[in-house]
Structure formats: structure tokens, C-alpha cells
Amino acid sequence: MAYDVKWKDDFTEQLFEAILALEDKEECYRFFEDIATIGEIKTLAQRLEVARMLRAGQTYDKITERTGVSTATISRVKKYLHYGSDGYKTILERLEKAGKLLQPEEE
């Protein structure tokens, strides 16, 4: 069954087609640097790290210390990690399988 996206429109379709057309990490860096602010990119990256750390059983204090995000952001990510559309779950599993998840020394 196809995923029903309520916020899907022609613009988001084009955006996701563009992202899927990127061929390597350098193209990703170049595209995202042009389309988003560095702050927006860093925020997305922080949220992914929060999801990884939550999945690893880390405490809010440890997550805040490492990422600098608020407890409200951690709670929001936790909500979507457990009750969302499985986007975090899917990508974390794929990154783990590929050996590309961050593995901080002190967890």
C-alpha cells in the first residue's frame, strides 16, 4: 500500500525527485548548500543524531550535551521515532546495515 502523504504537492514531488537524482555525497553537499541555510542543514543532521542516540538508549542529558538540542526537540524526535511514519527507523536501519552510523566513543 502506498504511503498517503497529506502535505504532498507538485513542489515537494519535484524536491524529492531532485534529491533522489543526486549521485554522490559531493552532489548532496552542493545541492543542500544552495537550497538551504547551513543552520537548516545542521538542524536536520542534529535531529538524525538525536534519533540515533534515542534508539541507542541514551538519556536526554547525554543527547543534549552531545547535540546541543533542547529537550523539546528530543521529545519531538522521540515521538516521531516511535509513532511517526517509520522514516527515522528506515534510514537508521539502512545506515547501520551499511556501517555508516556514527559510533561515538563514550556511549
N, C-alpha and C. Protein backbone atom coordinates (compact mmCIF):
# COMPACT_ATOMS: atom_id res chain seq x y z
N MET A 1 0.84 -1.18 0.00
CA MET A 1 0.00 0.00 0.00
C MET A 1 0.88 1.25 0.00
N ALA A 2 0.56 2.18 -0.86
CA ALA A 2 1.34 3.41 -0.97
C ALA A 2 1.12 4.29 0.26
N TYR A 3 2.16 4.99 0.62
CA TYR A 3 2.09 5.91 1.76
C TYR A 3 1.30 7.15 1.36
N ASP A 4 0.29 7.51 2.13
CA ASP A 4 -0.56 8.66 1.86
C ASP A 4 0.02 9.89 2.55
N VAL A 5 0.60 10.77 1.77
CA VAL A 5 1.22 11.98 2.29
C VAL A 5 0.23 13.13 2.15
N LYS A 6 -0.18 13.68 3.26
CA LYS A 6 -1.19 14.74 3.24
C LYS A 6 -0.64 16.08 2.78
N TRP A 7 0.65 16.29 2.91
CA TRP A 7 1.25 17.57 2.54
C TRP A 7 1.95 17.52 1.18
N LYS A 8 1.75 16.44 0.45
CA LYS A 8 2.39 16.27 -0.87
C LYS A 8 1.77 17.24 -1.88
N ASP A 9 2.62 17.86 -2.66
CA ASP A 9 2.17 18.70 -3.77
C ASP A 9 3.24 18.65 -4.87
N ASP A 10 3.01 19.37 -5.94
CA ASP A 10 3.96 19.35 -7.07
C ASP A 10 5.35 19.83 -6.66
N PHE A 11 5.41 20.81 -5.77
CA PHE A 11 6.71 21.35 -5.36
C PHE A 11 7.51 20.32 -4.55
N THR A 12 6.84 19.65 -3.60
CA THR A 12 7.55 18.65 -2.80
C THR A 12 7.92 17.44 -3.66
N GLU A 13 7.06 17.09 -4.60
CA GLU A 13 7.39 15.99 -5.53
C GLU A 13 8.67 16.32 -6.29
N GLN A 14 8.75 17.54 -6.80
CA GLN A 14 9.93 17.96 -7.55
C GLN A 14 11.17 17.96 -6.65
N LEU A 15 11.02 18.45 -5.42
CA LEU A 15 12.14 18.46 -4.48
C LEU A 15 12.66 17.05 -4.22
N PHE A 16 11.77 16.12 -3.93
CA PHE A 16 12.22 14.76 -3.63
C PHE A 16 12.78 14.06 -4.86
N GLU A 17 12.25 14.36 -6.04
CA GLU A 17 12.84 13.82 -7.27
C GLU A 17 14.26 14.37 -7.44
N ALA A 18 14.45 15.64 -7.12
CA ALA A 18 15.78 16.25 -7.21
C ALA A 18 16.75 15.57 -6.25
N ILE A 19 16.31 15.34 -5.02
CA ILE A 19 17.17 14.69 -4.03
C ILE A 19 17.52 13.28 -4.47
N LEU A 20 16.54 12.55 -4.98
CA LEU A 20 16.79 11.18 -5.44
C LEU A 20 17.70 11.14 -6.67
N ALA A 21 17.78 12.25 -7.42
CA ALA A 21 18.63 12.30 -8.61
C ALA A 21 20.09 12.58 -8.28
N LEU A 22 20.39 13.00 -7.05
CA LEU A 22 21.77 13.26 -6.66
C LEU A 22 22.56 11.95 -6.69
N GLU A 23 23.76 11.99 -7.24
CA GLU A 23 24.51 10.76 -7.48
C GLU A 23 25.55 10.43 -6.42
N ASP A 24 26.02 11.41 -5.67
CA ASP A 24 27.02 11.11 -4.65
C ASP A 24 26.97 12.16 -3.54
N LYS A 25 27.78 11.95 -2.53
CA LYS A 25 27.77 12.83 -1.36
C LYS A 25 28.16 14.26 -1.72
N GLU A 26 29.13 14.42 -2.63
CA GLU A 26 29.54 15.77 -3.02
C GLU A 26 28.37 16.52 -3.66
N GLU A 27 27.61 15.84 -4.53
CA GLU A 27 26.44 16.48 -5.12
C GLU A 27 25.43 16.85 -4.04
N CYS A 28 25.28 16.02 -3.02
CA CYS A 28 24.38 16.33 -1.91
C CYS A 28 24.82 17.60 -1.20
N TYR A 29 26.11 17.68 -0.88
CA TYR A 29 26.62 18.88 -0.21
C TYR A 29 26.37 20.12 -1.06
N ARG A 30 26.66 20.03 -2.34
CA ARG A 30 26.48 21.18 -3.23
C ARG A 30 25.01 21.60 -3.33
N PHE A 31 24.13 20.63 -3.52
CA PHE A 31 22.70 20.92 -3.65
C PHE A 31 22.14 21.51 -2.36
N PHE A 32 22.41 20.86 -1.24
CA PHE A 32 21.85 21.34 0.02
C PHE A 32 22.42 22.69 0.42
N GLU A 33 23.68 22.96 0.09
CA GLU A 33 24.25 24.27 0.39
C GLU A 33 23.54 25.36 -0.40
N ASP A 34 23.10 25.04 -1.61
CA ASP A 34 22.38 26.01 -2.43
C ASP A 34 20.92 26.16 -2.02
N ILE A 35 20.29 25.09 -1.58
CA ILE A 35 18.84 25.12 -1.34
C ILE A 35 18.46 25.45 0.10
N ALA A 36 19.38 25.28 1.03
CA ALA A 36 19.06 25.51 2.45
C ALA A 36 20.19 26.28 3.11
N THR A 37 19.88 26.88 4.24
CA THR A 37 20.94 27.54 5.00
C THR A 37 21.76 26.47 5.72
N ILE A 38 22.96 26.83 6.09
CA ILE A 38 23.80 25.91 6.85
C ILE A 38 23.09 25.52 8.15
N GLY A 39 22.43 26.49 8.78
CA GLY A 39 21.69 26.21 10.01
C GLY A 39 20.58 25.18 9.81
N GLU A 40 19.85 25.29 8.70
CA GLU A 40 18.79 24.32 8.42
C GLU A 40 19.36 22.92 8.21
N ILE A 41 20.47 22.85 7.49
CA ILE A 41 21.11 21.55 7.25
C ILE A 41 21.60 20.96 8.57
N LYS A 42 22.24 21.79 9.39
CA LYS A 42 22.75 21.31 10.68
C LYS A 42 21.60 20.85 11.58
N THR A 43 20.46 21.54 11.53
CA THR A 43 19.30 21.14 12.33
C THR A 43 18.80 19.76 11.91
N LEU A 44 18.72 19.52 10.62
CA LEU A 44 18.30 18.19 10.14
C LEU A 44 19.29 17.12 10.59
N ALA A 45 20.58 17.44 10.48
CA ALA A 45 21.61 16.49 10.89
C ALA A 45 21.53 16.20 12.39
N GLN A 46 21.28 17.25 13.19
CA GLN A 46 21.14 17.06 14.64
C GLN A 46 19.96 16.15 14.96
N ARG A 47 18.84 16.34 14.27
CA ARG A 47 17.66 15.51 14.53
C ARG A 47 17.93 14.05 14.22
N LEU A 48 18.67 13.79 13.16
CA LEU A 48 19.02 12.41 12.84
C LEU A 48 19.90 11.82 13.94
N GLU A 49 20.85 12.61 14.43
CA GLU A 49 21.71 12.14 15.52
C GLU A 49 20.91 11.91 16.80
N VAL A 50 19.95 12.78 17.08
CA VAL A 50 19.07 12.58 18.24
C VAL A 50 18.34 11.25 18.10
N ALA A 51 17.80 10.98 16.92
CA ALA A 51 17.09 9.71 16.69
C ALA A 51 18.02 8.52 16.89
N ARG A 52 19.25 8.63 16.39
CA ARG A 52 20.22 7.54 16.56
C ARG A 52 20.50 7.30 18.03
N MET A 53 20.70 8.39 18.77
CA MET A 53 21.03 8.27 20.19
C MET A 53 19.85 7.74 21.00
N LEU A 54 18.64 8.18 20.68
CA LEU A 54 17.45 7.65 21.35
C LEU A 54 17.33 6.15 21.11
N ARG A 55 17.53 5.76 19.87
CA ARG A 55 17.46 4.34 19.51
C ARG A 55 18.51 3.53 20.26
N ALA A 56 19.65 4.17 20.56
CA ALA A 56 20.72 3.50 21.30
C ALA A 56 20.49 3.54 22.81
N GLY A 57 19.39 4.16 23.24
CA GLY A 57 19.05 4.18 24.66
C GLY A 57 19.71 5.28 25.47
N GLN A 58 20.20 6.31 24.80
CA GLN A 58 20.88 7.39 25.51
C GLN A 58 19.88 8.29 26.24
N THR A 59 20.33 8.91 27.32
CA THR A 59 19.49 9.80 28.11
C THR A 59 19.35 11.16 27.43
N TYR A 60 18.31 11.89 27.82
CA TYR A 60 18.11 13.24 27.31
C TYR A 60 19.32 14.11 27.64
N ASP A 61 19.86 13.98 28.84
CA ASP A 61 21.03 14.79 29.23
C ASP A 61 22.21 14.54 28.31
N LYS A 62 22.47 13.28 28.03
CA LYS A 62 23.60 12.93 27.16
C LYS A 62 23.36 13.44 25.73
N ILE A 63 22.11 13.32 25.28
CA ILE A 63 21.78 13.78 23.93
C ILE A 63 21.93 15.30 23.83
N THR A 64 21.43 16.02 24.84
CA THR A 64 21.55 17.48 24.85
C THR A 64 23.02 17.89 24.90
N GLU A 65 23.80 17.21 25.71
CA GLU A 65 25.23 17.52 25.83
C GLU A 65 25.94 17.33 24.49
N ARG A 66 25.63 16.25 23.79
CA ARG A 66 26.31 15.94 22.53
C ARG A 66 25.83 16.82 21.37
N THR A 67 24.52 17.05 21.28
CA THR A 67 23.97 17.71 20.11
C THR A 67 23.64 19.18 20.31
N GLY A 68 23.40 19.58 21.55
CA GLY A 68 23.02 20.96 21.82
C GLY A 68 21.55 21.25 21.61
N VAL A 69 20.75 20.24 21.30
CA VAL A 69 19.32 20.47 21.08
C VAL A 69 18.57 20.53 22.40
N SER A 70 17.39 21.12 22.36
CA SER A 70 16.57 21.23 23.56
C SER A 70 15.87 19.91 23.86
N THR A 71 15.39 19.80 25.09
CA THR A 71 14.64 18.59 25.45
C THR A 71 13.33 18.52 24.66
N ALA A 72 12.78 19.68 24.27
CA ALA A 72 11.56 19.70 23.44
C ALA A 72 11.84 19.05 22.09
N THR A 73 12.99 19.35 21.50
CA THR A 73 13.36 18.73 20.22
C THR A 73 13.55 17.23 20.40
N ILE A 74 14.21 16.83 21.47
CA ILE A 74 14.41 15.40 21.73
C ILE A 74 13.06 14.71 21.86
N SER A 75 12.14 15.31 22.59
CA SER A 75 10.80 14.73 22.77
C SER A 75 10.07 14.60 21.44
N ARG A 76 10.19 15.62 20.59
CA ARG A 76 9.54 15.59 19.28
C ARG A 76 10.13 14.47 18.41
N VAL A 77 11.45 14.36 18.41
CA VAL A 77 12.09 13.29 17.63
C VAL A 77 11.68 11.93 18.19
N LYS A 78 11.63 11.80 19.51
CA LYS A 78 11.23 10.54 20.13
C LYS A 78 9.81 10.16 19.72
N LYS A 79 8.93 11.15 19.69
CA LYS A 79 7.54 10.90 19.28
C LYS A 79 7.51 10.33 17.86
N TYR A 80 8.23 10.97 16.94
CA TYR A 80 8.23 10.50 15.56
C TYR A 80 8.99 9.20 15.38
N LEU A 81 9.99 8.98 16.20
CA LEU A 81 10.73 7.72 16.16
C LEU A 81 9.83 6.55 16.51
N HIS A 82 8.93 6.78 17.48
CA HIS A 82 8.06 5.70 17.94
C HIS A 82 6.68 5.68 17.29
N TYR A 83 6.16 6.84 16.93
CA TYR A 83 4.78 6.91 16.43
C TYR A 83 4.66 7.58 15.07
N GLY A 84 5.76 7.82 14.41
CA GLY A 84 5.74 8.52 13.13
C GLY A 84 5.53 7.59 11.96
N SER A 85 6.06 7.97 10.84
CA SER A 85 5.88 7.24 9.58
C SER A 85 6.99 6.24 9.30
N ASP A 86 7.80 5.94 10.30
CA ASP A 86 8.92 5.00 10.20
C ASP A 86 10.08 5.50 9.34
N GLY A 87 10.10 6.80 9.06
CA GLY A 87 11.20 7.36 8.29
C GLY A 87 12.53 7.26 9.02
N TYR A 88 12.54 7.64 10.30
CA TYR A 88 13.77 7.51 11.10
C TYR A 88 14.19 6.05 11.17
N LYS A 89 13.25 5.18 11.46
CA LYS A 89 13.55 3.75 11.59
C LYS A 89 14.18 3.21 10.31
N THR A 90 13.58 3.53 9.18
CA THR A 90 14.08 3.05 7.89
C THR A 90 15.51 3.50 7.65
N ILE A 91 15.76 4.80 7.81
CA ILE A 91 17.09 5.30 7.48
C ILE A 91 18.13 4.87 8.48
N LEU A 92 17.77 4.79 9.76
CA LEU A 92 18.74 4.32 10.76
C LEU A 92 19.12 2.87 10.51
N GLU A 93 18.16 2.04 10.16
CA GLU A 93 18.46 0.64 9.85
C GLU A 93 19.36 0.53 8.63
N ARG A 94 19.09 1.33 7.61
CA ARG A 94 19.92 1.29 6.39
C ARG A 94 21.34 1.78 6.66
N LEU A 95 21.45 2.86 7.42
CA LEU A 95 22.79 3.36 7.75
C LEU A 95 23.55 2.36 8.60
N GLU A 96 22.86 1.74 9.53
CA GLU A 96 23.50 0.73 10.38
C GLU A 96 23.97 -0.46 9.54
N LYS A 97 23.13 -0.92 8.66
CA LYS A 97 23.48 -2.06 7.80
C LYS A 97 24.69 -1.74 6.93
N ALA A 98 24.77 -0.48 6.48
CA ALA A 98 25.89 -0.06 5.63
C ALA A 98 27.12 0.33 6.45
N GLY A 99 27.02 0.29 7.79
CA GLY A 99 28.15 0.67 8.63
C GLY A 99 28.43 2.16 8.63
N LYS A 100 27.39 2.97 8.41
CA LYS A 100 27.60 4.42 8.29
C LYS A 100 26.98 5.23 9.42
N LEU A 101 26.51 4.57 10.47
CA LEU A 101 26.01 5.30 11.64
C LEU A 101 27.18 5.78 12.47
N LEU A 102 27.06 6.97 13.03
CA LEU A 102 28.09 7.46 13.94
C LEU A 102 28.18 6.55 15.15
N GLN A 103 29.37 6.33 15.63
CA GLN A 103 29.61 5.49 16.81
C GLN A 103 30.51 6.24 17.77
N PRO A 104 29.94 7.22 18.51
CA PRO A 104 30.78 7.95 19.48
C PRO A 104 31.43 7.01 20.48
N GLU A 105 32.63 7.36 20.88
CA GLU A 105 33.41 6.50 21.78
C GLU A 105 32.77 6.32 23.15
N GLU A 106 32.13 7.35 23.65
CA GLU A 106 31.65 7.30 25.03
C GLU A 106 30.14 7.13 25.14
N GLU A 107 29.61 6.07 24.65
CA GLU A 107 28.17 5.83 24.81
C GLU A 107 27.94 4.75 25.79
